[in-house]
Amino acid sequence: LIGQAAGSLGVQWWARRALQSFKARGARTVVIPDSFAGVLFPPDNVENSETFLFNTWNMCHDDTLTPREQEKCLAGELLLSEVFAGTVRSHPETRFGMISSKADAVQIGFEKMLGLTGQRNLLGALMTPRQFYKWLNLMLQSYVVEPNFRAYLVDGNHHVYTSEQILFETTPLSFNGTVGGHPKLIDWIDSLDEAHCKGKRVVCLGRPQPVVKIQPPPPGTCYCDEALMHRV
């Protein structure tokens, strides 16, 4: 199951329902959200922003939610990341692999537009690539505690990989393969379907830096979160 861009959000939301339909495939099922993790800013406004979207699209009555998630959604307390994390946790036989650029221009642009329109959220409208990448790393920290979750991070601001020809050239250092680095994205995707998926849980090349919620983001976006680098 693969979803690109807005479809990445869709596959995070619908994966539980889809996996129930494909449960006979067992360990060979793979879910790949490509190029939309759902990072919103600032963090203390994420709940308000997502509640606005859930209410706009009447999502709290979706039968993909558990009773507890539906209760939280109706109370304005549910996050998409909670739904996705719950799906990862409840399907240990399935491999989940998230793909994102470290400074994805479209993901950042969406948050800016959402901040200016539906929410009148000035800080969200001013979110920087550094802020985006910091909160992307913190989001991945919450997912990678599950042994069936993996991620692939690419330097730069490119948006969407799995539906484009560059999929066969992308490395962690370059969306089009002009800068080397291993593994290539196509090889990493192929490894997700192996019976014994080996290697680092998060593919990222760059100097390790600590990423902590209460501290400012590290400079630039070419680093790697040291907390994620230790996951194998």
Protein backbone atom coordinates (compact mmCIF):
# COMPACT_ATOMS: atom_id res chain seq x y z
CA LEU A 1 0.00 0.00 0.00
CA ILE A 2 1.57 3.28 -1.12
CA GLY A 3 0.25 6.82 -0.91
CA GLN A 4 2.05 9.85 -2.31
CA ALA A 5 1.69 13.47 -1.14
CA ALA A 6 -1.87 13.89 0.19
CA GLY A 7 -2.23 10.16 -0.47
CA SER A 8 0.45 9.63 2.17
CA LEU A 9 -1.93 11.10 4.74
CA GLY A 10 -4.68 8.96 3.30
CA VAL A 11 -2.71 5.74 3.61
CA GLN A 12 -1.85 6.59 7.22
CA TRP A 13 -5.55 7.05 7.95
CA TRP A 14 -6.88 4.12 5.92
CA ALA A 15 -4.08 1.58 6.44
CA ARG A 16 -5.89 -0.19 9.29
CA ARG A 17 -9.00 -0.74 7.19
CA ALA A 18 -7.00 -1.81 4.14
CA LEU A 19 -4.84 -4.23 6.12
CA GLN A 20 -7.94 -5.96 7.42
CA SER A 21 -8.87 -6.63 3.79
CA PHE A 22 -5.39 -8.00 3.00
CA LYS A 23 -4.71 -9.82 6.27
CA ALA A 24 -4.29 -13.15 4.49
CA ARG A 25 -1.04 -11.81 2.99
CA GLY A 26 0.51 -11.70 6.46
CA ALA A 27 4.16 -10.69 6.68
CA ARG A 28 4.38 -9.73 3.00
CA THR A 29 2.19 -6.67 3.45
CA VAL A 30 4.03 -3.34 3.25
CA VAL A 31 2.67 0.18 3.87
CA ILE A 32 4.60 3.18 2.50
CA PRO A 33 3.53 6.78 3.18
CA ASP A 34 5.53 8.85 0.68
CA SER A 35 6.24 12.55 1.19
CA PHE A 36 3.62 13.74 3.65
CA ALA A 37 4.25 12.92 7.30
CA GLY A 38 1.69 15.37 8.70
CA VAL A 39 4.01 17.81 10.45
CA LEU A 40 2.16 20.91 11.69
CA PHE A 41 3.52 23.91 13.58
CA PRO A 42 3.73 25.19 16.26
CA PRO A 43 3.41 22.00 18.33
CA ASP A 44 0.94 23.48 20.83
CA ASN A 45 -1.44 24.22 17.95
CA VAL A 46 -1.31 20.82 16.24
CA GLU A 47 -4.41 19.52 18.01
CA ASN A 48 -6.42 22.58 16.98
CA SER A 49 -5.23 22.35 13.38
CA GLU A 50 -6.03 18.66 13.02
CA THR A 51 -9.40 19.04 14.75
CA PHE A 52 -10.21 21.78 12.21
CA LEU A 53 -9.43 19.36 9.36
CA PHE A 54 -11.24 16.40 10.94
CA ASN A 55 -14.37 18.50 11.46
CA THR A 56 -14.18 19.99 7.97
CA TRP A 57 -14.18 16.53 6.39
CA ASN A 58 -16.46 14.88 8.99
CA MET A 59 -13.75 12.33 9.77
CA CYS A 60 -14.70 11.60 13.37
CA HIS A 61 -17.48 9.31 12.21
CA ASP A 62 -15.19 7.24 10.02
CA ASP A 63 -15.40 3.55 10.82
CA THR A 64 -11.65 3.24 10.44
CA LEU A 65 -11.32 4.60 13.99
CA THR A 66 -11.36 2.54 17.16
CA PRO A 67 -14.06 3.49 19.69
CA ARG A 68 -11.44 5.29 21.83
CA GLU A 69 -10.06 7.18 18.81
CA GLN A 70 -13.56 8.22 17.77
CA GLU A 71 -14.23 9.46 21.29
CA LYS A 72 -11.04 11.53 21.24
CA CYS A 73 -11.81 12.82 17.75
CA LEU A 74 -15.25 14.07 18.77
CA ALA A 75 -13.65 15.74 21.81
CA GLY A 76 -11.08 17.51 19.62
CA GLU A 77 -8.17 15.55 21.08
CA LEU A 78 -7.18 13.10 18.33
CA LEU A 79 -4.06 13.34 16.16
CA LEU A 80 -3.41 11.55 12.87
CA SER A 81 -0.08 10.39 14.29
CA GLU A 82 -1.97 8.54 17.05
CA VAL A 83 -4.11 6.73 14.47
CA PHE A 84 -1.08 5.75 12.40
CA ALA A 85 0.99 4.71 15.43
CA GLY A 86 -1.91 2.56 16.60
CA THR A 87 -2.08 0.86 13.20
CA VAL A 88 1.68 0.17 13.20
CA ARG A 89 1.46 -1.24 16.71
CA SER A 90 -1.58 -3.44 16.02
CA HIS A 91 -0.09 -4.97 12.84
CA PRO A 92 3.35 -6.26 13.87
CA GLU A 93 3.45 -8.60 10.87
CA THR A 94 3.27 -5.64 8.45
CA ARG A 95 6.25 -3.49 7.45
CA PHE A 96 5.75 0.28 7.50
CA GLY A 97 8.24 2.53 5.71
CA MET A 98 7.91 6.32 5.62
CA ILE A 99 9.73 8.39 2.98
CA SER A 100 10.39 12.13 3.24
CA SER A 101 12.79 14.83 2.18
CA LYS A 102 14.32 16.68 5.10
CA ALA A 103 13.00 20.02 3.84
CA ASP A 104 10.07 18.97 1.63
CA ALA A 105 8.89 22.22 0.02
CA VAL A 106 5.32 21.03 -0.54
CA GLN A 107 4.82 19.74 3.01
CA ILE A 108 6.14 23.05 4.36
CA GLY A 109 4.06 25.02 1.88
CA PHE A 110 0.88 23.20 2.91
CA GLU A 111 1.39 24.09 6.57
CA LYS A 112 1.97 27.72 5.60
CA MET A 113 -1.23 27.83 3.58
CA LEU A 114 -3.21 26.09 6.33
CA GLY A 115 -1.86 28.59 8.84
CA LEU A 116 -2.90 31.54 6.68
CA THR A 117 -6.35 30.26 5.72
CA GLY A 118 -8.29 27.97 8.02
CA GLN A 119 -6.39 28.65 11.23
CA ARG A 120 -4.99 32.18 10.97
CA ASN A 121 -1.90 30.68 12.56
CA LEU A 122 0.95 33.12 11.95
CA LEU A 123 3.63 30.88 13.43
CA GLY A 124 2.51 28.01 11.23
CA ALA A 125 2.56 30.32 8.22
CA LEU A 126 6.18 31.15 9.05
CA MET A 127 7.41 27.59 9.66
CA THR A 128 10.99 27.17 8.44
CA PRO A 129 12.66 24.07 6.95
CA ARG A 130 14.65 23.73 10.18
CA GLN A 131 11.47 23.67 12.24
CA PHE A 132 9.81 21.23 9.86
CA TYR A 133 12.75 18.82 10.00
CA LYS A 134 13.02 18.99 13.77
CA TRP A 135 9.38 18.03 14.26
CA LEU A 136 9.58 15.40 11.54
CA ASN A 137 12.41 13.78 13.51
CA LEU A 138 10.42 13.92 16.74
CA MET A 139 7.47 12.33 14.98
CA LEU A 140 9.72 9.54 13.68
CA GLN A 141 11.06 9.01 17.19
CA SER A 142 7.53 8.15 18.31
CA TYR A 143 7.03 5.68 15.44
CA VAL A 144 10.39 3.92 15.48
CA VAL A 145 9.75 2.42 18.92
CA GLU A 146 7.78 -0.20 16.98
CA PRO A 147 10.13 -2.81 15.43
CA ASN A 148 8.12 -3.00 12.19
CA PHE A 149 8.54 0.71 11.36
CA ARG A 150 11.28 2.15 9.14
CA ALA A 151 12.00 5.47 7.46
CA TYR A 152 14.09 6.88 4.61
CA LEU A 153 15.19 10.53 4.69
CA VAL A 154 16.57 12.44 1.71
CA ASP A 155 18.56 15.69 1.77
CA GLY A 156 16.83 18.59 0.03
CA ASN A 157 13.27 19.74 -0.62
CA HIS A 158 11.98 17.32 -3.28
CA HIS A 159 8.39 16.10 -3.02
CA VAL A 160 7.20 12.57 -3.92
CA TYR A 161 9.39 9.69 -5.03
CA THR A 162 7.53 6.44 -5.58
CA SER A 163 5.52 7.61 -8.61
CA GLU A 164 8.49 9.17 -10.41
CA GLN A 165 11.35 7.80 -12.50
CA ILE A 166 13.87 9.22 -10.03
CA LEU A 167 12.81 6.46 -7.63
CA PHE A 168 15.51 4.31 -9.23
CA GLU A 169 18.24 6.93 -8.67
CA THR A 170 17.41 8.52 -5.29
CA THR A 171 20.00 8.24 -2.53
CA PRO A 172 19.92 9.66 1.00
CA LEU A 173 22.01 12.59 -0.24
CA SER A 174 20.27 13.38 -3.54
CA PHE A 175 16.75 13.07 -4.94
CA ASN A 176 18.11 12.37 -8.45
CA GLY A 177 21.25 10.41 -7.63
CA THR A 178 23.74 13.14 -8.51
CA VAL A 179 25.31 12.63 -5.08
CA GLY A 180 26.08 9.08 -3.98
CA GLY A 181 25.05 7.33 -0.82
CA HIS A 182 23.65 3.96 0.15
CA PRO A 183 21.24 2.36 0.11
CA LYS A 184 19.39 3.66 -2.91
CA LEU A 185 15.72 4.26 -2.24
CA ILE A 186 14.59 1.55 -4.65
CA ASP A 187 16.79 -1.02 -2.86
CA TRP A 188 15.47 0.09 0.53
CA ILE A 189 11.88 -0.35 -0.65
CA ASP A 190 12.73 -3.79 -1.98
CA SER A 191 14.24 -4.74 1.40
CA LEU A 192 10.96 -3.98 3.17
CA ASP A 193 9.43 -7.04 1.53
CA GLU A 194 12.20 -9.40 2.65
CA ALA A 195 11.43 -12.02 5.26
CA HIS A 196 14.18 -10.67 7.53
CA CYS A 197 14.49 -6.93 6.96
CA LYS A 198 18.03 -5.98 8.02
CA GLY A 199 19.98 -2.77 8.41
CA LYS A 200 19.28 0.54 10.08
CA ARG A 201 15.70 1.27 10.95
CA VAL A 202 16.09 4.86 9.71
CA VAL A 203 18.18 5.63 6.62
CA CYS A 204 19.80 9.06 6.92
CA LEU A 205 23.25 10.36 6.00
CA GLY A 206 24.70 13.35 7.83
CA ARG A 207 26.35 14.39 11.05
CA PRO A 208 24.46 13.07 14.10
CA GLN A 209 22.82 15.83 16.13
CA PRO A 210 20.59 15.66 19.22
CA VAL A 211 16.97 16.58 18.50
CA VAL A 212 15.11 17.46 21.68
CA LYS A 213 11.58 18.82 21.99
CA ILE A 214 12.45 21.66 24.39
CA GLN A 215 15.54 22.83 22.49
CA PRO A 216 15.87 24.87 19.27
CA PRO A 217 16.40 22.85 16.08
CA PRO A 218 19.99 22.13 15.04
CA PRO A 219 21.38 24.36 12.26
CA GLY A 220 20.42 23.45 8.70
CA THR A 221 18.72 20.23 7.61
CA CYS A 222 21.65 18.09 6.49
CA TYR A 223 22.15 16.42 9.86
CA CYS A 224 20.64 13.20 11.22
CA ASP A 225 18.82 12.80 14.53
CA GLU A 226 21.19 10.81 16.71
CA ALA A 227 18.26 9.16 18.53
CA LEU A 228 17.11 7.66 15.23
CA MET A 229 20.61 6.64 14.14
CA HIS A 230 20.91 4.29 17.09
CA ARG A 231 17.92 2.25 15.96
CA VAL A 232 18.94 -0.95 14.15
